[in-house]
Amino acid sequence: FSFPRLYLAAGITSIRTGGSIEPYTD
């Protein structure tokens, strides 16, 4: 819930997740 909103709010319009704990969720 919180992280996608914070990334976008800060101007990070594209991300690469650097490793996943829940890959299906991502």
PDB file of all heavy atoms in Angstrom:
ATOM      1  N   PHE A   1       0.828  -1.207   0.000  1.00  0.00           N
ATOM      2  CA  PHE A   1       0.000   0.000   0.000  1.00  0.00           C
ATOM      3  C   PHE A   1       0.863   1.258   0.000  1.00  0.00           C
ATOM      4  O   PHE A   1       0.731   2.118  -0.879  1.00  0.00           O
ATOM      5  CB  PHE A   1      -0.916   0.001   1.233  1.00  0.00           C
ATOM      6  CG  PHE A   1      -1.626   1.306   1.466  1.00  0.00           C
ATOM      7  CD1 PHE A   1      -2.742   1.643   0.722  1.00  0.00           C
ATOM      8  CD2 PHE A   1      -1.175   2.209   2.426  1.00  0.00           C
ATOM      9  CE1 PHE A   1      -3.407   2.854   0.922  1.00  0.00           C
ATOM     10  CE2 PHE A   1      -1.821   3.415   2.638  1.00  0.00           C
ATOM     11  CZ  PHE A   1      -2.937   3.737   1.887  1.00  0.00           C
ATOM     12  N   SER A   2       1.773   1.374   0.951  1.00  0.00           N
ATOM     13  CA  SER A   2       2.486   2.634   1.151  1.00  0.00           C
ATOM     14  C   SER A   2       3.635   2.855   0.169  1.00  0.00           C
ATOM     15  O   SER A   2       3.835   3.965  -0.332  1.00  0.00           O
ATOM     16  CB  SER A   2       3.016   2.717   2.585  1.00  0.00           C
ATOM     17  OG  SER A   2       3.897   1.635   2.879  1.00  0.00           O
ATOM     18  N   PHE A   3       4.409   1.810  -0.142  1.00  0.00           N
ATOM     19  CA  PHE A   3       5.616   2.034  -0.932  1.00  0.00           C
ATOM     20  C   PHE A   3       5.338   2.464  -2.374  1.00  0.00           C
ATOM     21  O   PHE A   3       6.001   3.388  -2.872  1.00  0.00           O
ATOM     22  CB  PHE A   3       6.512   0.800  -0.884  1.00  0.00           C
ATOM     23  CG  PHE A   3       7.459   0.791   0.293  1.00  0.00           C
ATOM     24  CD1 PHE A   3       7.210   1.570   1.414  1.00  0.00           C
ATOM     25  CD2 PHE A   3       8.602   0.010   0.294  1.00  0.00           C
ATOM     26  CE1 PHE A   3       8.067   1.578   2.511  1.00  0.00           C
ATOM     27  CE2 PHE A   3       9.477   0.002   1.361  1.00  0.00           C
ATOM     28  CZ  PHE A   3       9.214   0.791   2.472  1.00  0.00           C
ATOM     29  N   PRO A   4       4.399   1.859  -3.087  1.00  0.00           N
ATOM     30  CA  PRO A   4       4.143   2.361  -4.444  1.00  0.00           C
ATOM     31  C   PRO A   4       3.758   3.839  -4.455  1.00  0.00           C
ATOM     32  O   PRO A   4       4.177   4.593  -5.343  1.00  0.00           O
ATOM     33  CB  PRO A   4       2.997   1.473  -4.936  1.00  0.00           C
ATOM     34  CG  PRO A   4       3.157   0.197  -4.180  1.00  0.00           C
ATOM     35  CD  PRO A   4       3.609   0.632  -2.817  1.00  0.00           C
ATOM     36  N   ARG A   5       2.974   4.258  -3.473  1.00  0.00           N
ATOM     37  CA  ARG A   5       2.565   5.667  -3.413  1.00  0.00           C
ATOM     38  C   ARG A   5       3.756   6.576  -3.123  1.00  0.00           C
ATOM     39  O   ARG A   5       3.880   7.659  -3.704  1.00  0.00           O
ATOM     40  CB  ARG A   5       1.484   5.848  -2.339  1.00  0.00           C
ATOM     41  CG  ARG A   5       0.200   5.100  -2.667  1.00  0.00           C
ATOM     42  CD  ARG A   5      -0.871   5.289  -1.607  1.00  0.00           C
ATOM     43  NE  ARG A   5      -2.065   4.506  -1.946  1.00  0.00           N
ATOM     44  CZ  ARG A   5      -3.291   4.862  -1.655  1.00  0.00           C
ATOM     45  NH1 ARG A   5      -3.524   5.993  -0.987  1.00  0.00           N
ATOM     46  NH2 ARG A   5      -4.312   4.102  -2.013  1.00  0.00           N
ATOM     47  N   LEU A   6       4.630   6.152  -2.216  1.00  0.00           N
ATOM     48  CA  LEU A   6       5.783   6.978  -1.874  1.00  0.00           C
ATOM     49  C   LEU A   6       6.767   7.075  -3.033  1.00  0.00           C
ATOM     50  O   LEU A   6       7.341   8.137  -3.278  1.00  0.00           O
ATOM     51  CB  LEU A   6       6.478   6.431  -0.630  1.00  0.00           C
ATOM     52  CG  LEU A   6       5.763   6.692   0.696  1.00  0.00           C
ATOM     53  CD1 LEU A   6       6.499   6.009   1.852  1.00  0.00           C
ATOM     54  CD2 LEU A   6       5.646   8.196   0.974  1.00  0.00           C
ATOM     55  N   TYR A   7       6.980   5.976  -3.733  1.00  0.00           N
ATOM     56  CA  TYR A   7       7.872   6.045  -4.898  1.00  0.00           C
ATOM     57  C   TYR A   7       7.345   7.070  -5.900  1.00  0.00           C
ATOM     58  O   TYR A   7       8.084   7.956  -6.354  1.00  0.00           O
ATOM     59  CB  TYR A   7       7.977   4.673  -5.575  1.00  0.00           C
ATOM     60  CG  TYR A   7       8.898   3.704  -4.881  1.00  0.00           C
ATOM     61  CD1 TYR A   7       8.447   2.442  -4.487  1.00  0.00           C
ATOM     62  CD2 TYR A   7      10.233   4.033  -4.632  1.00  0.00           C
ATOM     63  CE1 TYR A   7       9.292   1.541  -3.850  1.00  0.00           C
ATOM     64  CE2 TYR A   7      11.085   3.139  -4.001  1.00  0.00           C
ATOM     65  CZ  TYR A   7      10.602   1.888  -3.614  1.00  0.00           C
ATOM     66  OH  TYR A   7      11.443   1.001  -2.982  1.00  0.00           O
ATOM     67  N   LEU A   8       6.067   6.964  -6.232  1.00  0.00           N
ATOM     68  CA  LEU A   8       5.497   7.878  -7.221  1.00  0.00           C
ATOM     69  C   LEU A   8       5.529   9.312  -6.711  1.00  0.00           C
ATOM     70  O   LEU A   8       5.886  10.238  -7.460  1.00  0.00           O
ATOM     71  CB  LEU A   8       4.066   7.457  -7.550  1.00  0.00           C
ATOM     72  CG  LEU A   8       3.371   8.232  -8.669  1.00  0.00           C
ATOM     73  CD1 LEU A   8       4.140   8.117  -9.989  1.00  0.00           C
ATOM     74  CD2 LEU A   8       1.932   7.753  -8.843  1.00  0.00           C
ATOM     75  N   ALA A   9       5.178   9.523  -5.463  1.00  0.00           N
ATOM     76  CA  ALA A   9       5.148  10.878  -4.895  1.00  0.00           C
ATOM     77  C   ALA A   9       6.504  11.555  -4.944  1.00  0.00           C
ATOM     78  O   ALA A   9       6.598  12.776  -5.109  1.00  0.00           O
ATOM     79  CB  ALA A   9       4.648  10.823  -3.457  1.00  0.00           C
ATOM     80  N   ALA A  10       7.570  10.789  -4.799  1.00  0.00           N
ATOM     81  CA  ALA A  10       8.917  11.350  -4.761  1.00  0.00           C
ATOM     82  C   ALA A  10       9.509  11.573  -6.148  1.00  0.00           C
ATOM     83  O   ALA A  10      10.616  12.110  -6.269  1.00  0.00           O
ATOM     84  CB  ALA A  10       9.829  10.439  -3.946  1.00  0.00           C
ATOM     85  N   GLY A  11       8.791  11.149  -7.187  1.00  0.00           N
ATOM     86  CA  GLY A  11       9.289  11.362  -8.541  1.00  0.00           C
ATOM     87  C   GLY A  11      10.017  10.175  -9.124  1.00  0.00           C
ATOM     88  O   GLY A  11      10.667  10.289 -10.160  1.00  0.00           O
ATOM     89  N   ILE A  12       9.885   9.007  -8.478  1.00  0.00           N
ATOM     90  CA  ILE A  12      10.494   7.796  -9.008  1.00  0.00           C
ATOM     91  C   ILE A  12       9.410   7.100  -9.818  1.00  0.00           C
ATOM     92  O   ILE A  12       8.546   6.415  -9.276  1.00  0.00           O
ATOM     93  CB  ILE A  12      11.045   6.897  -7.886  1.00  0.00           C
ATOM     94  CG1 ILE A  12      12.210   7.597  -7.166  1.00  0.00           C
ATOM     95  CG2 ILE A  12      11.563   5.585  -8.461  1.00  0.00           C
ATOM     96  CD1 ILE A  12      11.847   8.655  -6.203  1.00  0.00           C
ATOM     97  N   THR A  13       9.428   7.300 -11.106  1.00  0.00           N
ATOM     98  CA  THR A  13       8.352   6.808 -11.966  1.00  0.00           C
ATOM     99  C   THR A  13       8.612   5.387 -12.468  1.00  0.00           C
ATOM    100  O   THR A  13       7.696   4.738 -12.973  1.00  0.00           O
ATOM    101  CB  THR A  13       8.130   7.745 -13.161  1.00  0.00           C
ATOM    102  OG1 THR A  13       9.385   7.958 -13.822  1.00  0.00           O
ATOM    103  CG2 THR A  13       7.576   9.085 -12.693  1.00  0.00           C
ATOM    104  N   SER A  14       9.852   4.919 -12.347  1.00  0.00           N
ATOM    105  CA  SER A  14      10.187   3.541 -12.706  1.00  0.00           C
ATOM    106  C   SER A  14      11.106   2.971 -11.638  1.00  0.00           C
ATOM    107  O   SER A  14      12.010   3.669 -11.155  1.00  0.00           O
ATOM    108  CB  SER A  14      10.902   3.460 -14.062  1.00  0.00           C
ATOM    109  OG  SER A  14      10.068   3.847 -15.125  1.00  0.00           O
ATOM    110  N   ILE A  15      10.867   1.711 -11.265  1.00  0.00           N
ATOM    111  CA  ILE A  15      11.743   1.068 -10.296  1.00  0.00           C
ATOM    112  C   ILE A  15      12.091  -0.343 -10.754  1.00  0.00           C
ATOM    113  O   ILE A  15      11.337  -0.983 -11.480  1.00  0.00           O
ATOM    114  CB  ILE A  15      11.106   0.987  -8.887  1.00  0.00           C
ATOM    115  CG1 ILE A  15       9.893   0.034  -8.882  1.00  0.00           C
ATOM    116  CG2 ILE A  15      10.725   2.361  -8.367  1.00  0.00           C
ATOM    117  CD1 ILE A  15       9.392  -0.314  -7.483  1.00  0.00           C
ATOM    118  N   ARG A  16      13.266  -0.793 -10.318  1.00  0.00           N
ATOM    119  CA  ARG A  16      13.584  -2.211 -10.372  1.00  0.00           C
ATOM    120  C   ARG A  16      13.645  -2.690  -8.927  1.00  0.00           C
ATOM    121  O   ARG A  16      14.390  -2.140  -8.110  1.00  0.00           O
ATOM    122  CB  ARG A  16      14.938  -2.460 -11.033  1.00  0.00           C
ATOM    123  CG  ARG A  16      15.318  -3.954 -11.046  1.00  0.00           C
ATOM    124  CD  ARG A  16      16.766  -4.183 -11.410  1.00  0.00           C
ATOM    125  NE  ARG A  16      17.673  -3.634 -10.417  1.00  0.00           N
ATOM    126  CZ  ARG A  16      19.003  -3.757 -10.483  1.00  0.00           C
ATOM    127  NH1 ARG A  16      19.566  -4.388 -11.493  1.00  0.00           N
ATOM    128  NH2 ARG A  16      19.767  -3.226  -9.549  1.00  0.00           N
ATOM    129  N   THR A  17      12.833  -3.682  -8.591  1.00  0.00           N
ATOM    130  CA  THR A  17      12.926  -4.238  -7.248  1.00  0.00           C
ATOM    131  C   THR A  17      14.231  -5.021  -7.154  1.00  0.00           C
ATOM    132  O   THR A  17      14.491  -5.905  -7.961  1.00  0.00           O
ATOM    133  CB  THR A  17      11.731  -5.153  -6.926  1.00  0.00           C
ATOM    134  OG1 THR A  17      11.649  -6.179  -7.919  1.00  0.00           O
ATOM    135  CG2 THR A  17      10.437  -4.357  -6.914  1.00  0.00           C
ATOM    136  N   GLY A  18      15.051  -4.689  -6.175  1.00  0.00           N
ATOM    137  CA  GLY A  18      16.361  -5.320  -6.031  1.00  0.00           C
ATOM    138  C   GLY A  18      16.281  -6.554  -5.167  1.00  0.00           C
ATOM    139  O   GLY A  18      16.945  -6.647  -4.138  1.00  0.00           O
ATOM    140  N   GLY A  19      15.482  -7.523  -5.575  1.00  0.00           N
ATOM    141  CA  GLY A  19      15.251  -8.724  -4.785  1.00  0.00           C
ATOM    142  C   GLY A  19      13.866  -8.686  -4.183  1.00  0.00           C
ATOM    143  O   GLY A  19      13.377  -7.630  -3.775  1.00  0.00           O
ATOM    144  N   SER A  20      13.219  -9.853  -4.116  1.00  0.00           N
ATOM    145  CA  SER A  20      11.833  -9.900  -3.655  1.00  0.00           C
ATOM    146  C   SER A  20      11.641 -10.939  -2.563  1.00  0.00           C
ATOM    147  O   SER A  20      12.176 -12.046  -2.643  1.00  0.00           O
ATOM    148  CB  SER A  20      10.914 -10.218  -4.844  1.00  0.00           C
ATOM    149  OG  SER A  20       9.579 -10.346  -4.420  1.00  0.00           O
ATOM    150  N   ILE A  21      10.864 -10.561  -1.558  1.00  0.00           N
ATOM    151  CA  ILE A  21      10.427 -11.500  -0.522  1.00  0.00           C
ATOM    152  C   ILE A  21       9.127 -12.172  -0.947  1.00  0.00           C
ATOM    153  O   ILE A  21       8.915 -13.356  -0.694  1.00  0.00           O
ATOM    154  CB  ILE A  21      10.232 -10.765   0.827  1.00  0.00           C
ATOM    155  CG1 ILE A  21      11.580 -10.269   1.367  1.00  0.00           C
ATOM    156  CG2 ILE A  21       9.550 -11.661   1.847  1.00  0.00           C
ATOM    157  CD1 ILE A  21      12.542 -11.359   1.773  1.00  0.00           C
ATOM    158  N   GLU A  22       8.259 -11.404  -1.609  1.00  0.00           N
ATOM    159  CA  GLU A  22       6.975 -11.932  -2.092  1.00  0.00           C
ATOM    160  C   GLU A  22       6.868 -11.651  -3.599  1.00  0.00           C
ATOM    161  O   GLU A  22       6.189 -10.711  -4.010  1.00  0.00           O
ATOM    162  CB  GLU A  22       5.807 -11.284  -1.352  1.00  0.00           C
ATOM    163  CG  GLU A  22       5.764 -11.588   0.135  1.00  0.00           C
ATOM    164  CD  GLU A  22       4.510 -11.041   0.800  1.00  0.00           C
ATOM    165  OE1 GLU A  22       3.499 -10.822   0.098  1.00  0.00           O
ATOM    166  OE2 GLU A  22       4.546 -10.822   2.017  1.00  0.00           O
ATOM    167  N   PRO A  23       7.531 -12.464  -4.444  1.00  0.00           N
ATOM    168  CA  PRO A  23       7.527 -12.168  -5.881  1.00  0.00           C
ATOM    169  C   PRO A  23       6.149 -12.208  -6.521  1.00  0.00           C
ATOM    170  O   PRO A  23       5.872 -11.409  -7.419  1.00  0.00           O
ATOM    171  CB  PRO A  23       8.453 -13.246  -6.467  1.00  0.00           C
ATOM    172  CG  PRO A  23       8.557 -14.301  -5.417  1.00  0.00           C
ATOM    173  CD  PRO A  23       8.386 -13.605  -4.108  1.00  0.00           C
ATOM    174  N   TYR A  24       5.263 -13.101  -6.065  1.00  0.00           N
ATOM    175  CA  TYR A  24       3.916 -13.107  -6.630  1.00  0.00           C
ATOM    176  C   TYR A  24       3.206 -11.786  -6.318  1.00  0.00           C
ATOM    177  O   TYR A  24       2.496 -11.230  -7.160  1.00  0.00           O
ATOM    178  CB  TYR A  24       3.103 -14.268  -6.070  1.00  0.00           C
ATOM    179  CG  TYR A  24       3.369 -15.599  -6.724  1.00  0.00           C
ATOM    180  CD1 TYR A  24       3.778 -16.697  -5.988  1.00  0.00           C
ATOM    181  CD2 TYR A  24       3.197 -15.768  -8.103  1.00  0.00           C
ATOM    182  CE1 TYR A  24       4.027 -17.934  -6.586  1.00  0.00           C
ATOM    183  CE2 TYR A  24       3.436 -16.994  -8.711  1.00  0.00           C
ATOM    184  CZ  TYR A  24       3.850 -18.071  -7.951  1.00  0.00           C
ATOM    185  OH  TYR A  24       4.092 -19.282  -8.551  1.00  0.00           O
ATOM    186  N   THR A  25       3.403 -11.287  -5.102  1.00  0.00           N
ATOM    187  CA  THR A  25       2.785 -10.012  -4.729  1.00  0.00           C
ATOM    188  C   THR A  25       3.327  -8.880  -5.588  1.00  0.00           C
ATOM    189  O   THR A  25       2.567  -8.037  -6.086  1.00  0.00           O
ATOM    190  CB  THR A  25       3.029  -9.707  -3.247  1.00  0.00           C
ATOM    191  OG1 THR A  25       2.551 -10.795  -2.454  1.00  0.00           O
ATOM    192  CG2 THR A  25       2.313  -8.435  -2.829  1.00  0.00           C
ATOM    193  N   ASP A  26       4.647  -8.854  -5.771  1.00  0.00           N
ATOM    194  CA  ASP A  26       5.242  -7.789  -6.582  1.00  0.00           C
ATOM    195  C   ASP A  26       4.718  -7.814  -8.013  1.00  0.00           C
ATOM    196  O   ASP A  26       4.436  -6.768  -8.609  1.00  0.00           O
ATOM    197  CB  ASP A  26       6.764  -7.918  -6.584  1.00  0.00           C
ATOM    198  CG  ASP A  26       7.386  -7.525  -5.246  1.00  0.00           C
ATOM    199  OD1 ASP A  26       6.643  -7.142  -4.328  1.00  0.00           O
ATOM    200  OD2 ASP A  26       8.625  -7.596  -5.130  1.00  0.00           O
TER     201      ASP A  26
END
